[in-house]
Amino acid sequence: MSTSLADWKGAPSPSATLLEGRFIRLEKLDPARHGDDLFQALEGPGADPKLWNYLPYGPFPERPAFDAWLSNNAAASDPYFFTVIDRASGQAQGIISLMSIVAIQGRIEIGHVTFGAPMQRSPKSTEAVYLLAKEAFALGYRRLEWKCNNANARSRYAAERLGFSFEGVFRQHMVTKGQNRDTAWFSILDGEWPAIAQGFEQWLSDENQSGSGQLKSLAECRG
């Protein structure tokens, strides 16, 4: 039997400036403090050459264009951007956002996931998503979304591994960088989150203790 929403009032907009984890912390994006590290992580030697392939912007080989992009991101309230700080080194290694915020309907998305090579396929990337998901549901959102280019196999795999349910593909959804984009949609609902959160927390705890955890799927935690 469905739960009555007669008293539903919506959820507040995100406003957190710091979210703490075991491996990383999320700080509200500040180009003055984070810009040097982020340019090194995203555009410096050793940067992921495929990083910008499916993003609607970038790459930014010239620093002024990169700084302007960061400043625009920092000034926005939707998307609401965070910098990912590696706790061990104190370095900024990526950015991530809460976006497509429809507070009155309780709907929000994790997007603009731009992680430097040291974060990819690591506990740091998993924990960044976990912290934002935890924050979204703590604020009272009913639905957390993940959307990506349907051709982006890495993002599709990440969504499924992190416990998001695949909902389908919006064909010819948009044009990005002069190319058609079919968009794959994924979600986690508030009723699914407690079990998925438990899976995240167990995995992160095991990885913190052993340093040898595998990036296995959390999808089975939906129950």
N, C-alpha and C. Protein backbone atom coordinates (compact mmCIF):
# COMPACT_ATOMS: atom_id res chain seq x y z
N MET A 1 0.85 -1.18 0.00
CA MET A 1 0.00 0.00 0.00
C MET A 1 0.89 1.24 0.00
N SER A 2 0.60 2.20 -0.87
CA SER A 2 1.42 3.39 -0.98
C SER A 2 1.24 4.29 0.23
N THR A 3 2.30 5.06 0.54
CA THR A 3 2.27 5.98 1.66
C THR A 3 1.63 7.29 1.21
N SER A 4 0.75 7.83 2.03
CA SER A 4 0.10 9.10 1.70
C SER A 4 1.12 10.23 1.71
N LEU A 5 1.02 11.11 0.73
CA LEU A 5 1.86 12.31 0.66
C LEU A 5 1.05 13.57 0.89
N ALA A 6 -0.06 13.44 1.59
CA ALA A 6 -0.94 14.58 1.83
C ALA A 6 -0.22 15.70 2.57
N ASP A 7 0.76 15.36 3.39
CA ASP A 7 1.47 16.37 4.17
C ASP A 7 2.83 16.72 3.56
N TRP A 8 3.08 16.27 2.34
CA TRP A 8 4.38 16.55 1.70
C TRP A 8 4.57 18.04 1.49
N LYS A 9 5.71 18.57 1.92
CA LYS A 9 5.99 20.01 1.80
C LYS A 9 7.22 20.29 0.94
N GLY A 10 7.82 19.26 0.37
CA GLY A 10 9.04 19.47 -0.39
C GLY A 10 10.26 19.32 0.50
N ALA A 11 11.44 19.51 -0.10
CA ALA A 11 12.71 19.39 0.61
C ALA A 11 13.48 20.70 0.45
N PRO A 12 14.38 21.00 1.37
CA PRO A 12 15.18 22.22 1.24
C PRO A 12 16.26 22.06 0.17
N SER A 13 16.71 23.18 -0.37
CA SER A 13 17.83 23.16 -1.31
C SER A 13 19.12 22.82 -0.57
N PRO A 14 20.08 22.20 -1.24
CA PRO A 14 21.36 21.90 -0.59
C PRO A 14 22.06 23.18 -0.13
N SER A 15 22.70 23.10 1.03
CA SER A 15 23.42 24.26 1.54
C SER A 15 24.70 23.87 2.28
N ALA A 16 25.02 22.59 2.36
CA ALA A 16 26.20 22.13 3.10
C ALA A 16 27.47 22.70 2.46
N THR A 17 28.43 23.03 3.29
CA THR A 17 29.72 23.48 2.80
C THR A 17 30.84 22.48 3.09
N LEU A 18 30.55 21.47 3.91
CA LEU A 18 31.55 20.45 4.25
C LEU A 18 30.86 19.14 4.59
N LEU A 19 31.29 18.06 3.93
CA LEU A 19 30.81 16.71 4.22
C LEU A 19 32.03 15.84 4.43
N GLU A 20 32.12 15.21 5.60
CA GLU A 20 33.32 14.47 5.99
C GLU A 20 33.15 12.97 5.76
N GLY A 21 34.19 12.34 5.21
CA GLY A 21 34.23 10.90 5.04
C GLY A 21 35.51 10.31 5.58
N ARG A 22 35.70 9.01 5.36
CA ARG A 22 36.92 8.33 5.82
C ARG A 22 38.11 8.66 4.92
N PHE A 23 37.88 8.63 3.62
CA PHE A 23 38.95 8.78 2.65
C PHE A 23 39.02 10.19 2.05
N ILE A 24 37.88 10.84 1.98
CA ILE A 24 37.81 12.17 1.38
C ILE A 24 36.90 13.06 2.21
N ARG A 25 36.95 14.33 1.92
CA ARG A 25 35.92 15.24 2.39
C ARG A 25 35.46 16.06 1.19
N LEU A 26 34.22 16.47 1.23
CA LEU A 26 33.67 17.32 0.19
C LEU A 26 33.56 18.73 0.74
N GLU A 27 34.22 19.67 0.07
CA GLU A 27 34.15 21.07 0.43
C GLU A 27 33.45 21.83 -0.69
N LYS A 28 32.63 22.81 -0.33
CA LYS A 28 32.03 23.66 -1.35
C LYS A 28 33.13 24.20 -2.26
N LEU A 29 32.92 24.10 -3.55
CA LEU A 29 33.94 24.50 -4.53
C LEU A 29 34.37 25.95 -4.31
N ASP A 30 35.68 26.13 -4.16
CA ASP A 30 36.27 27.46 -3.99
C ASP A 30 37.47 27.56 -4.94
N PRO A 31 37.32 28.23 -6.08
CA PRO A 31 38.42 28.28 -7.05
C PRO A 31 39.72 28.83 -6.47
N ALA A 32 39.65 29.79 -5.55
CA ALA A 32 40.87 30.36 -5.00
C ALA A 32 41.66 29.32 -4.21
N ARG A 33 40.98 28.48 -3.47
CA ARG A 33 41.66 27.47 -2.65
C ARG A 33 41.94 26.19 -3.40
N HIS A 34 41.07 25.83 -4.33
CA HIS A 34 41.14 24.51 -4.96
C HIS A 34 41.68 24.53 -6.39
N GLY A 35 41.76 25.71 -6.99
CA GLY A 35 42.04 25.78 -8.42
C GLY A 35 43.36 25.16 -8.84
N ASP A 36 44.44 25.42 -8.12
CA ASP A 36 45.75 24.89 -8.52
C ASP A 36 45.74 23.36 -8.53
N ASP A 37 45.25 22.77 -7.46
CA ASP A 37 45.20 21.31 -7.37
C ASP A 37 44.29 20.72 -8.46
N LEU A 38 43.15 21.35 -8.67
CA LEU A 38 42.21 20.80 -9.65
C LEU A 38 42.78 20.88 -11.07
N PHE A 39 43.45 21.96 -11.39
CA PHE A 39 44.05 22.05 -12.72
C PHE A 39 45.09 20.96 -12.91
N GLN A 40 45.88 20.71 -11.87
CA GLN A 40 46.88 19.64 -11.94
C GLN A 40 46.22 18.28 -12.09
N ALA A 41 45.16 18.04 -11.31
CA ALA A 41 44.50 16.72 -11.33
C ALA A 41 43.76 16.46 -12.63
N LEU A 42 43.14 17.50 -13.19
CA LEU A 42 42.26 17.30 -14.34
C LEU A 42 42.93 17.60 -15.67
N GLU A 43 44.01 18.40 -15.66
CA GLU A 43 44.65 18.79 -16.91
C GLU A 43 46.16 18.62 -16.92
N GLY A 44 46.73 18.25 -15.79
CA GLY A 44 48.19 18.15 -15.71
C GLY A 44 48.72 16.84 -16.25
N PRO A 45 50.04 16.63 -16.17
CA PRO A 45 50.64 15.36 -16.57
C PRO A 45 50.01 14.20 -15.80
N GLY A 46 49.68 13.15 -16.49
CA GLY A 46 49.05 12.01 -15.86
C GLY A 46 47.54 12.10 -15.79
N ALA A 47 46.95 13.20 -16.29
CA ALA A 47 45.49 13.32 -16.28
C ALA A 47 44.87 12.28 -17.20
N ASP A 48 43.66 11.88 -16.88
CA ASP A 48 42.93 10.88 -17.67
C ASP A 48 42.62 11.47 -19.06
N PRO A 49 43.14 10.88 -20.13
CA PRO A 49 42.90 11.45 -21.47
C PRO A 49 41.46 11.33 -21.93
N LYS A 50 40.67 10.46 -21.29
CA LYS A 50 39.27 10.28 -21.66
C LYS A 50 38.31 11.07 -20.77
N LEU A 51 38.86 11.85 -19.85
CA LEU A 51 38.04 12.49 -18.83
C LEU A 51 36.91 13.33 -19.41
N TRP A 52 37.18 14.09 -20.47
CA TRP A 52 36.23 15.06 -21.00
C TRP A 52 35.37 14.51 -22.13
N ASN A 53 35.58 13.26 -22.50
CA ASN A 53 34.93 12.73 -23.71
C ASN A 53 33.41 12.88 -23.70
N TYR A 54 32.79 12.63 -22.56
CA TYR A 54 31.32 12.64 -22.50
C TYR A 54 30.76 13.81 -21.70
N LEU A 55 31.61 14.74 -21.33
CA LEU A 55 31.15 15.94 -20.63
C LEU A 55 30.83 17.02 -21.67
N PRO A 56 29.87 17.89 -21.39
CA PRO A 56 29.48 18.89 -22.39
C PRO A 56 30.44 20.06 -22.50
N TYR A 57 31.54 20.05 -21.76
CA TYR A 57 32.55 21.10 -21.76
C TYR A 57 33.92 20.45 -21.71
N GLY A 58 34.96 21.27 -21.82
CA GLY A 58 36.32 20.78 -21.74
C GLY A 58 36.75 20.03 -22.99
N PRO A 59 38.04 19.71 -23.08
CA PRO A 59 39.08 19.99 -22.07
C PRO A 59 39.47 21.47 -22.03
N PHE A 60 40.27 21.79 -20.99
CA PHE A 60 40.71 23.16 -20.77
C PHE A 60 42.23 23.21 -20.65
N PRO A 61 42.94 23.08 -21.76
CA PRO A 61 44.40 23.09 -21.69
C PRO A 61 44.98 24.43 -21.24
N GLU A 62 44.22 25.52 -21.42
CA GLU A 62 44.69 26.84 -21.00
C GLU A 62 44.08 27.21 -19.66
N ARG A 63 44.91 27.65 -18.74
CA ARG A 63 44.46 27.92 -17.38
C ARG A 63 43.37 28.99 -17.29
N PRO A 64 43.41 30.09 -18.04
CA PRO A 64 42.34 31.08 -17.89
C PRO A 64 40.95 30.51 -18.17
N ALA A 65 40.82 29.68 -19.20
CA ALA A 65 39.52 29.08 -19.50
C ALA A 65 39.09 28.12 -18.40
N PHE A 66 40.04 27.39 -17.85
CA PHE A 66 39.75 26.48 -16.74
C PHE A 66 39.27 27.26 -15.52
N ASP A 67 39.95 28.37 -15.21
CA ASP A 67 39.57 29.17 -14.05
C ASP A 67 38.18 29.78 -14.23
N ALA A 68 37.87 30.21 -15.44
CA ALA A 68 36.54 30.77 -15.70
C ALA A 68 35.47 29.71 -15.51
N TRP A 69 35.75 28.50 -15.97
CA TRP A 69 34.81 27.39 -15.80
C TRP A 69 34.59 27.08 -14.31
N LEU A 70 35.66 27.03 -13.54
CA LEU A 70 35.53 26.79 -12.10
C LEU A 70 34.73 27.90 -11.43
N SER A 71 35.00 29.15 -11.79
CA SER A 71 34.31 30.28 -11.17
C SER A 71 32.82 30.23 -11.46
N ASN A 72 32.45 29.89 -12.69
CA ASN A 72 31.03 29.76 -13.03
C ASN A 72 30.38 28.66 -12.22
N ASN A 73 31.09 27.55 -12.06
CA ASN A 73 30.56 26.44 -11.28
C ASN A 73 30.37 26.84 -9.82
N ALA A 74 31.35 27.53 -9.26
CA ALA A 74 31.29 27.91 -7.85
C ALA A 74 30.15 28.89 -7.58
N ALA A 75 29.82 29.71 -8.56
CA ALA A 75 28.77 30.72 -8.37
C ALA A 75 27.37 30.15 -8.49
N ALA A 76 27.24 28.97 -9.05
CA ALA A 76 25.92 28.39 -9.31
C ALA A 76 25.32 27.78 -8.04
N SER A 77 24.00 27.79 -7.96
CA SER A 77 23.30 27.09 -6.88
C SER A 77 22.69 25.79 -7.40
N ASP A 78 22.54 25.67 -8.70
CA ASP A 78 22.09 24.43 -9.35
C ASP A 78 22.72 24.40 -10.74
N PRO A 79 23.78 23.62 -10.90
CA PRO A 79 24.36 22.62 -9.99
C PRO A 79 25.05 23.27 -8.77
N TYR A 80 25.06 22.51 -7.69
CA TYR A 80 25.70 22.91 -6.44
C TYR A 80 26.97 22.07 -6.30
N PHE A 81 28.12 22.72 -6.52
CA PHE A 81 29.38 21.99 -6.71
C PHE A 81 30.18 21.83 -5.42
N PHE A 82 30.79 20.65 -5.32
CA PHE A 82 31.75 20.34 -4.27
C PHE A 82 33.09 19.96 -4.89
N THR A 83 34.16 20.25 -4.15
CA THR A 83 35.49 19.75 -4.48
C THR A 83 35.77 18.52 -3.63
N VAL A 84 36.37 17.51 -4.23
CA VAL A 84 36.73 16.29 -3.50
C VAL A 84 38.18 16.43 -3.03
N ILE A 85 38.37 16.40 -1.71
CA ILE A 85 39.68 16.55 -1.10
C ILE A 85 40.15 15.20 -0.57
N ASP A 86 41.29 14.75 -1.02
CA ASP A 86 41.90 13.52 -0.50
C ASP A 86 42.40 13.79 0.91
N ARG A 87 41.88 13.06 1.88
CA ARG A 87 42.25 13.33 3.28
C ARG A 87 43.73 13.04 3.54
N ALA A 88 44.29 12.03 2.89
CA ALA A 88 45.67 11.66 3.16
C ALA A 88 46.65 12.75 2.73
N SER A 89 46.42 13.33 1.56
CA SER A 89 47.36 14.31 1.02
C SER A 89 46.90 15.76 1.17
N GLY A 90 45.59 15.95 1.41
CA GLY A 90 45.04 17.29 1.45
C GLY A 90 44.84 17.91 0.09
N GLN A 91 45.05 17.14 -0.98
CA GLN A 91 44.93 17.67 -2.33
C GLN A 91 43.51 17.58 -2.85
N ALA A 92 43.11 18.59 -3.61
CA ALA A 92 41.85 18.54 -4.35
C ALA A 92 42.06 17.68 -5.59
N GLN A 93 41.20 16.67 -5.77
CA GLN A 93 41.42 15.71 -6.85
C GLN A 93 40.22 15.57 -7.79
N GLY A 94 39.14 16.30 -7.56
CA GLY A 94 38.00 16.20 -8.46
C GLY A 94 36.87 17.07 -8.00
N ILE A 95 35.82 17.14 -8.82
CA ILE A 95 34.61 17.86 -8.43
C ILE A 95 33.40 16.99 -8.71
N ILE A 96 32.30 17.33 -8.04
CA ILE A 96 31.05 16.59 -8.17
C ILE A 96 29.93 17.53 -7.73
N SER A 97 28.72 17.30 -8.17
CA SER A 97 27.65 18.24 -7.82
C SER A 97 26.34 17.54 -7.53
N LEU A 98 25.50 18.26 -6.81
CA LEU A 98 24.07 17.99 -6.76
C LEU A 98 23.42 18.94 -7.76
N MET A 99 22.52 18.43 -8.59
CA MET A 99 22.01 19.23 -9.70
C MET A 99 20.57 18.82 -10.04
N SER A 100 20.01 19.50 -11.05
CA SER A 100 18.62 19.24 -11.45
C SER A 100 17.74 19.17 -10.21
N ILE A 101 17.88 20.18 -9.37
CA ILE A 101 17.25 20.19 -8.05
C ILE A 101 15.81 20.68 -8.18
N VAL A 102 14.88 19.78 -7.93
CA VAL A 102 13.45 20.12 -7.92
C VAL A 102 12.96 19.86 -6.50
N ALA A 103 13.24 20.83 -5.63
CA ALA A 103 13.03 20.62 -4.21
C ALA A 103 11.56 20.38 -3.87
N ILE A 104 10.66 21.05 -4.55
CA ILE A 104 9.24 20.92 -4.24
C ILE A 104 8.73 19.51 -4.53
N GLN A 105 9.39 18.81 -5.46
CA GLN A 105 9.01 17.44 -5.78
C GLN A 105 9.92 16.40 -5.11
N GLY A 106 10.96 16.87 -4.43
CA GLY A 106 11.87 15.94 -3.77
C GLY A 106 12.74 15.16 -4.73
N ARG A 107 13.16 15.82 -5.81
CA ARG A 107 13.95 15.14 -6.84
C ARG A 107 15.28 15.87 -7.01
N ILE A 108 16.38 15.10 -7.07
CA ILE A 108 17.72 15.68 -7.16
C ILE A 108 18.64 14.68 -7.86
N GLU A 109 19.72 15.16 -8.43
CA GLU A 109 20.63 14.31 -9.22
C GLU A 109 22.07 14.53 -8.78
N ILE A 110 22.87 13.48 -8.86
CA ILE A 110 24.33 13.59 -8.75
C ILE A 110 24.88 13.68 -10.16
N GLY A 111 25.66 14.72 -10.43
CA GLY A 111 26.16 14.89 -11.78
C GLY A 111 27.44 15.71 -11.83
N HIS A 112 27.87 16.03 -13.06
CA HIS A 112 29.13 16.75 -13.29
C HIS A 112 30.27 16.05 -12.56
N VAL A 113 30.28 14.73 -12.60
CA VAL A 113 31.30 13.95 -11.91
C VAL A 113 32.59 14.03 -12.72
N THR A 114 33.57 14.75 -12.18
CA THR A 114 34.82 15.01 -12.89
C THR A 114 35.96 14.69 -11.94
N PHE A 115 36.38 13.43 -11.96
CA PHE A 115 37.39 12.93 -11.02
C PHE A 115 38.72 12.78 -11.72
N GLY A 116 39.78 13.29 -11.09
CA GLY A 116 41.13 13.07 -11.59
C GLY A 116 41.53 11.61 -11.51
N ALA A 117 42.59 11.26 -12.23
CA ALA A 117 43.03 9.87 -12.30
C ALA A 117 43.28 9.23 -10.93
N PRO A 118 43.84 9.94 -9.92
CA PRO A 118 44.07 9.31 -8.62
C PRO A 118 42.79 8.89 -7.90
N MET A 119 41.65 9.44 -8.31
CA MET A 119 40.38 9.10 -7.65
C MET A 119 39.67 7.94 -8.31
N GLN A 120 39.92 7.72 -9.59
CA GLN A 120 39.10 6.80 -10.35
C GLN A 120 39.31 5.35 -9.89
N ARG A 121 38.21 4.60 -9.85
CA ARG A 121 38.22 3.20 -9.40
C ARG A 121 38.93 3.06 -8.06
N SER A 122 38.53 3.90 -7.12
CA SER A 122 39.13 3.89 -5.79
C SER A 122 38.04 4.12 -4.76
N PRO A 123 38.33 3.86 -3.48
CA PRO A 123 37.36 4.16 -2.44
C PRO A 123 36.97 5.63 -2.41
N LYS A 124 37.85 6.51 -2.86
CA LYS A 124 37.55 7.94 -2.83
C LYS A 124 36.37 8.28 -3.73
N SER A 125 36.32 7.69 -4.91
CA SER A 125 35.21 7.97 -5.82
C SER A 125 33.90 7.40 -5.27
N THR A 126 33.96 6.20 -4.71
CA THR A 126 32.77 5.59 -4.11
C THR A 126 32.26 6.44 -2.96
N GLU A 127 33.17 6.90 -2.11
CA GLU A 127 32.75 7.66 -0.94
C GLU A 127 32.19 9.02 -1.32
N ALA A 128 32.69 9.64 -2.37
CA ALA A 128 32.16 10.93 -2.81
C ALA A 128 30.68 10.81 -3.18
N VAL A 129 30.34 9.75 -3.92
CA VAL A 129 28.94 9.52 -4.28
C VAL A 129 28.12 9.21 -3.04
N TYR A 130 28.66 8.38 -2.17
CA TYR A 130 27.94 8.03 -0.93
C TYR A 130 27.62 9.27 -0.10
N LEU A 131 28.59 10.17 0.06
CA LEU A 131 28.36 11.35 0.89
C LEU A 131 27.28 12.25 0.31
N LEU A 132 27.25 12.39 -1.02
CA LEU A 132 26.21 13.22 -1.62
C LEU A 132 24.85 12.53 -1.55
N ALA A 133 24.82 11.23 -1.77
CA ALA A 133 23.55 10.51 -1.65
C ALA A 133 23.02 10.59 -0.22
N LYS A 134 23.89 10.40 0.74
CA LYS A 134 23.49 10.49 2.15
C LYS A 134 22.93 11.87 2.46
N GLU A 135 23.59 12.91 1.97
CA GLU A 135 23.12 14.27 2.21
C GLU A 135 21.76 14.50 1.56
N ALA A 136 21.59 14.03 0.33
CA ALA A 136 20.32 14.24 -0.37
C ALA A 136 19.15 13.61 0.38
N PHE A 137 19.33 12.38 0.83
CA PHE A 137 18.23 11.71 1.54
C PHE A 137 18.04 12.28 2.95
N ALA A 138 19.11 12.74 3.58
CA ALA A 138 18.98 13.38 4.89
C ALA A 138 18.17 14.67 4.79
N LEU A 139 18.26 15.35 3.65
CA LEU A 139 17.48 16.58 3.43
C LEU A 139 16.01 16.29 3.14
N GLY A 140 15.70 15.02 2.88
CA GLY A 140 14.32 14.65 2.65
C GLY A 140 13.93 14.42 1.20
N TYR A 141 14.93 14.34 0.31
CA TYR A 141 14.60 14.07 -1.09
C TYR A 141 14.09 12.65 -1.25
N ARG A 142 13.16 12.48 -2.16
CA ARG A 142 12.50 11.19 -2.39
C ARG A 142 13.16 10.39 -3.50
N ARG A 143 13.86 11.08 -4.39
CA ARG A 143 14.40 10.43 -5.59
C ARG A 143 15.76 11.04 -5.90
N LEU A 144 16.77 10.18 -6.04
CA LEU A 144 18.12 10.59 -6.42
C LEU A 144 18.42 10.01 -7.80
N GLU A 145 18.81 10.86 -8.73
CA GLU A 145 19.02 10.44 -10.11
C GLU A 145 20.50 10.43 -10.49
N TRP A 146 20.79 9.62 -11.49
CA TRP A 146 22.10 9.60 -12.15
C TRP A 146 21.79 9.49 -13.64
N LYS A 147 22.30 10.42 -14.42
CA LYS A 147 22.08 10.38 -15.87
C LYS A 147 23.43 10.46 -16.57
N CYS A 148 23.54 9.80 -17.70
CA CYS A 148 24.79 9.85 -18.45
C CYS A 148 24.53 9.55 -19.91
N ASN A 149 25.49 9.91 -20.74
CA ASN A 149 25.45 9.53 -22.14
C ASN A 149 25.37 8.00 -22.21
N ASN A 150 24.42 7.51 -22.98
CA ASN A 150 24.25 6.06 -23.07
C ASN A 150 25.48 5.36 -23.63
N ALA A 151 26.32 6.10 -24.35
CA ALA A 151 27.55 5.52 -24.89
C ALA A 151 28.68 5.49 -23.87
N ASN A 152 28.48 6.12 -22.72
CA ASN A 152 29.52 6.21 -21.71
C ASN A 152 29.49 4.97 -20.82
N ALA A 153 30.21 3.95 -21.24
CA ALA A 153 30.18 2.66 -20.54
C ALA A 153 30.68 2.79 -19.11
N ARG A 154 31.68 3.63 -18.89
CA ARG A 154 32.23 3.77 -17.54
C ARG A 154 31.19 4.35 -16.58
N SER A 155 30.44 5.35 -17.03
CA SER A 155 29.43 5.96 -16.16
C SER A 155 28.25 5.02 -15.93
N ARG A 156 27.84 4.31 -16.95
CA ARG A 156 26.76 3.33 -16.78
C ARG A 156 27.16 2.26 -15.77
N TYR A 157 28.37 1.76 -15.91
CA TYR A 157 28.86 0.73 -14.98
C TYR A 157 28.90 1.27 -13.55
N ALA A 158 29.38 2.52 -13.40
CA ALA A 158 29.47 3.11 -12.07
C ALA A 158 28.09 3.22 -11.43
N ALA A 159 27.10 3.67 -12.20
CA ALA A 159 25.75 3.81 -11.66
C ALA A 159 25.21 2.48 -11.17
N GLU A 160 25.37 1.45 -11.97
CA GLU A 160 24.86 0.14 -11.59
C GLU A 160 25.61 -0.43 -10.40
N ARG A 161 26.93 -0.24 -10.38
CA ARG A 161 27.73 -0.74 -9.26
C ARG A 161 27.35 -0.05 -7.96
N LEU A 162 26.98 1.22 -8.04
CA LEU A 162 26.68 2.00 -6.85
C LEU A 162 25.24 1.86 -6.37
N GLY A 163 24.48 0.98 -6.99
CA GLY A 163 23.15 0.67 -6.49
C GLY A 163 22.01 1.41 -7.15
N PHE A 164 22.29 2.19 -8.20
CA PHE A 164 21.23 2.86 -8.93
C PHE A 164 20.50 1.87 -9.84
N SER A 165 19.20 2.03 -9.97
CA SER A 165 18.39 1.19 -10.85
C SER A 165 18.30 1.84 -12.23
N PHE A 166 18.54 1.06 -13.26
CA PHE A 166 18.42 1.53 -14.63
C PHE A 166 16.94 1.68 -14.98
N GLU A 167 16.58 2.84 -15.55
CA GLU A 167 15.19 3.12 -15.86
C GLU A 167 14.90 3.24 -17.35
N GLY A 168 15.93 3.31 -18.17
CA GLY A 168 15.69 3.40 -19.60
C GLY A 168 16.57 4.44 -20.26
N VAL A 169 16.36 4.63 -21.56
CA VAL A 169 17.16 5.54 -22.35
C VAL A 169 16.25 6.56 -23.03
N PHE A 170 16.56 7.85 -22.85
CA PHE A 170 15.89 8.92 -23.58
C PHE A 170 16.65 9.11 -24.90
N ARG A 171 16.05 8.68 -25.99
CA ARG A 171 16.71 8.75 -27.29
C ARG A 171 16.71 10.18 -27.82
N GLN A 172 17.81 10.55 -28.47
CA GLN A 172 17.98 11.90 -29.02
C GLN A 172 17.58 12.97 -27.99
N HIS A 173 18.12 12.79 -26.80
CA HIS A 173 17.77 13.65 -25.67
C HIS A 173 18.37 15.04 -25.81
N MET A 174 19.58 15.13 -26.35
CA MET A 174 20.24 16.43 -26.50
C MET A 174 21.38 16.33 -27.50
N VAL A 175 21.95 17.48 -27.81
CA VAL A 175 23.13 17.56 -28.67
C VAL A 175 24.26 18.13 -27.83
N THR A 176 25.38 17.42 -27.75
CA THR A 176 26.55 17.90 -27.01
C THR A 176 27.78 17.78 -27.88
N LYS A 177 28.55 18.86 -27.93
CA LYS A 177 29.77 18.91 -28.72
C LYS A 177 29.53 18.45 -30.16
N GLY A 178 28.38 18.87 -30.71
CA GLY A 178 28.05 18.56 -32.08
C GLY A 178 27.66 17.12 -32.34
N GLN A 179 27.36 16.37 -31.28
CA GLN A 179 27.00 14.96 -31.42
C GLN A 179 25.66 14.69 -30.72
N ASN A 180 24.90 13.74 -31.28
CA ASN A 180 23.68 13.31 -30.60
C ASN A 180 24.03 12.63 -29.28
N ARG A 181 23.19 12.87 -28.29
CA ARG A 181 23.32 12.15 -27.01
C ARG A 181 22.01 11.48 -26.66
N ASP A 182 22.05 10.15 -26.59
CA ASP A 182 20.99 9.38 -25.96
C ASP A 182 21.36 9.28 -24.48
N THR A 183 20.41 9.55 -23.60
CA THR A 183 20.71 9.64 -22.17
C THR A 183 20.13 8.46 -21.41
N ALA A 184 21.01 7.75 -20.69
CA ALA A 184 20.59 6.66 -19.81
C ALA A 184 20.22 7.23 -18.45
N TRP A 185 19.08 6.80 -17.91
CA TRP A 185 18.56 7.28 -16.63
C TRP A 185 18.64 6.17 -15.59
N PHE A 186 19.09 6.57 -14.38
CA PHE A 186 19.17 5.67 -13.23
C PHE A 186 18.62 6.41 -12.01
N SER A 187 18.20 5.65 -11.01
CA SER A 187 17.71 6.30 -9.79
C SER A 187 17.87 5.40 -8.57
N ILE A 188 17.87 6.06 -7.40
CA ILE A 188 17.68 5.42 -6.11
C ILE A 188 16.52 6.15 -5.44
N LEU A 189 15.57 5.41 -4.88
CA LEU A 189 14.45 6.01 -4.17
C LEU A 189 14.71 6.00 -2.66
N ASP A 190 14.01 6.88 -1.96
CA ASP A 190 14.24 7.00 -0.52
C ASP A 190 13.99 5.70 0.23
N GLY A 191 13.01 4.91 -0.23
CA GLY A 191 12.74 3.63 0.43
C GLY A 191 13.82 2.59 0.19
N GLU A 192 14.59 2.76 -0.87
CA GLU A 192 15.69 1.84 -1.18
C GLU A 192 16.98 2.24 -0.48
N TRP A 193 17.08 3.52 -0.10
CA TRP A 193 18.35 4.04 0.38
C TRP A 193 18.86 3.36 1.65
N PRO A 194 18.06 3.06 2.68
CA PRO A 194 18.66 2.48 3.88
C PRO A 194 19.48 1.22 3.61
N ALA A 195 18.98 0.32 2.78
CA ALA A 195 19.73 -0.91 2.49
C ALA A 195 20.97 -0.61 1.66
N ILE A 196 20.84 0.30 0.69
CA ILE A 196 22.00 0.65 -0.14
C ILE A 196 23.04 1.38 0.71
N ALA A 197 22.60 2.26 1.60
CA ALA A 197 23.53 2.96 2.49
C ALA A 197 24.30 1.97 3.35
N GLN A 198 23.63 0.95 3.84
CA GLN A 198 24.30 -0.06 4.65
C GLN A 198 25.38 -0.76 3.85
N GLY A 199 25.10 -1.03 2.57
CA GLY A 199 26.10 -1.64 1.71
C GLY A 199 27.31 -0.74 1.50
N PHE A 200 27.05 0.54 1.25
CA PHE A 200 28.15 1.51 1.13
C PHE A 200 29.00 1.52 2.39
N GLU A 201 28.35 1.63 3.53
CA GLU A 201 29.07 1.79 4.79
C GLU A 201 29.89 0.55 5.12
N GLN A 202 29.35 -0.63 4.84
CA GLN A 202 30.10 -1.86 5.09
C GLN A 202 31.31 -1.94 4.18
N TRP A 203 31.11 -1.62 2.89
CA TRP A 203 32.24 -1.67 1.95
C TRP A 203 33.32 -0.68 2.33
N LEU A 204 32.93 0.54 2.67
CA LEU A 204 33.91 1.56 3.03
C LEU A 204 34.64 1.20 4.32
N SER A 205 33.92 0.60 5.27
CA SER A 205 34.55 0.16 6.51
C SER A 205 35.57 -0.95 6.25
N ASP A 206 35.18 -1.92 5.41
CA ASP A 206 36.10 -3.01 5.08
C ASP A 206 37.34 -2.49 4.37
N GLU A 207 37.13 -1.56 3.43
CA GLU A 207 38.27 -1.00 2.69
C GLU A 207 39.16 -0.18 3.60
N ASN A 208 38.58 0.51 4.54
CA ASN A 208 39.36 1.31 5.48
C ASN A 208 40.24 0.42 6.35
N GLN A 209 39.74 -0.77 6.69
CA GLN A 209 40.50 -1.67 7.57
C GLN A 209 41.55 -2.46 6.81
N SER A 210 41.21 -2.88 5.58
CA SER A 210 42.11 -3.80 4.88
C SER A 210 42.87 -3.17 3.74
N GLY A 211 42.29 -2.12 3.14
CA GLY A 211 42.93 -1.53 1.97
C GLY A 211 42.89 -2.40 0.75
N SER A 212 42.08 -3.48 0.77
CA SER A 212 42.08 -4.41 -0.35
C SER A 212 40.68 -4.70 -0.86
N GLY A 213 39.69 -3.89 -0.48
CA GLY A 213 38.33 -4.12 -0.94
C GLY A 213 38.20 -4.02 -2.44
N GLN A 214 37.32 -4.80 -3.02
CA GLN A 214 37.08 -4.77 -4.45
C GLN A 214 35.88 -3.87 -4.74
N LEU A 215 35.91 -3.20 -5.89
CA LEU A 215 34.83 -2.32 -6.28
C LEU A 215 33.67 -3.14 -6.84
N LYS A 216 33.06 -3.93 -5.98
CA LYS A 216 31.97 -4.79 -6.42
C LYS A 216 30.65 -4.05 -6.39
N SER A 217 29.62 -4.65 -6.96
CA SER A 217 28.33 -3.98 -7.08
C SER A 217 27.64 -3.86 -5.74
N LEU A 218 26.95 -2.73 -5.55
CA LEU A 218 26.10 -2.53 -4.40
C LEU A 218 24.63 -2.72 -4.76
N ALA A 219 24.36 -3.07 -6.00
CA ALA A 219 22.98 -3.15 -6.46
C ALA A 219 22.16 -4.15 -5.67
N GLU A 220 22.80 -5.23 -5.22
CA GLU A 220 22.05 -6.26 -4.49
C GLU A 220 21.57 -5.74 -3.14
N CYS A 221 22.08 -4.61 -2.70
CA CYS A 221 21.66 -4.06 -1.41
C CYS A 221 20.27 -3.46 -1.44
N ARG A 222 19.66 -3.33 -2.63
CA ARG A 222 18.32 -2.75 -2.70
C ARG A 222 17.30 -3.63 -2.00
N GLY A 223 17.57 -4.93 -1.94
CA GLY A 223 16.67 -5.84 -1.24
C GLY A 223 15.39 -6.11 -2.00
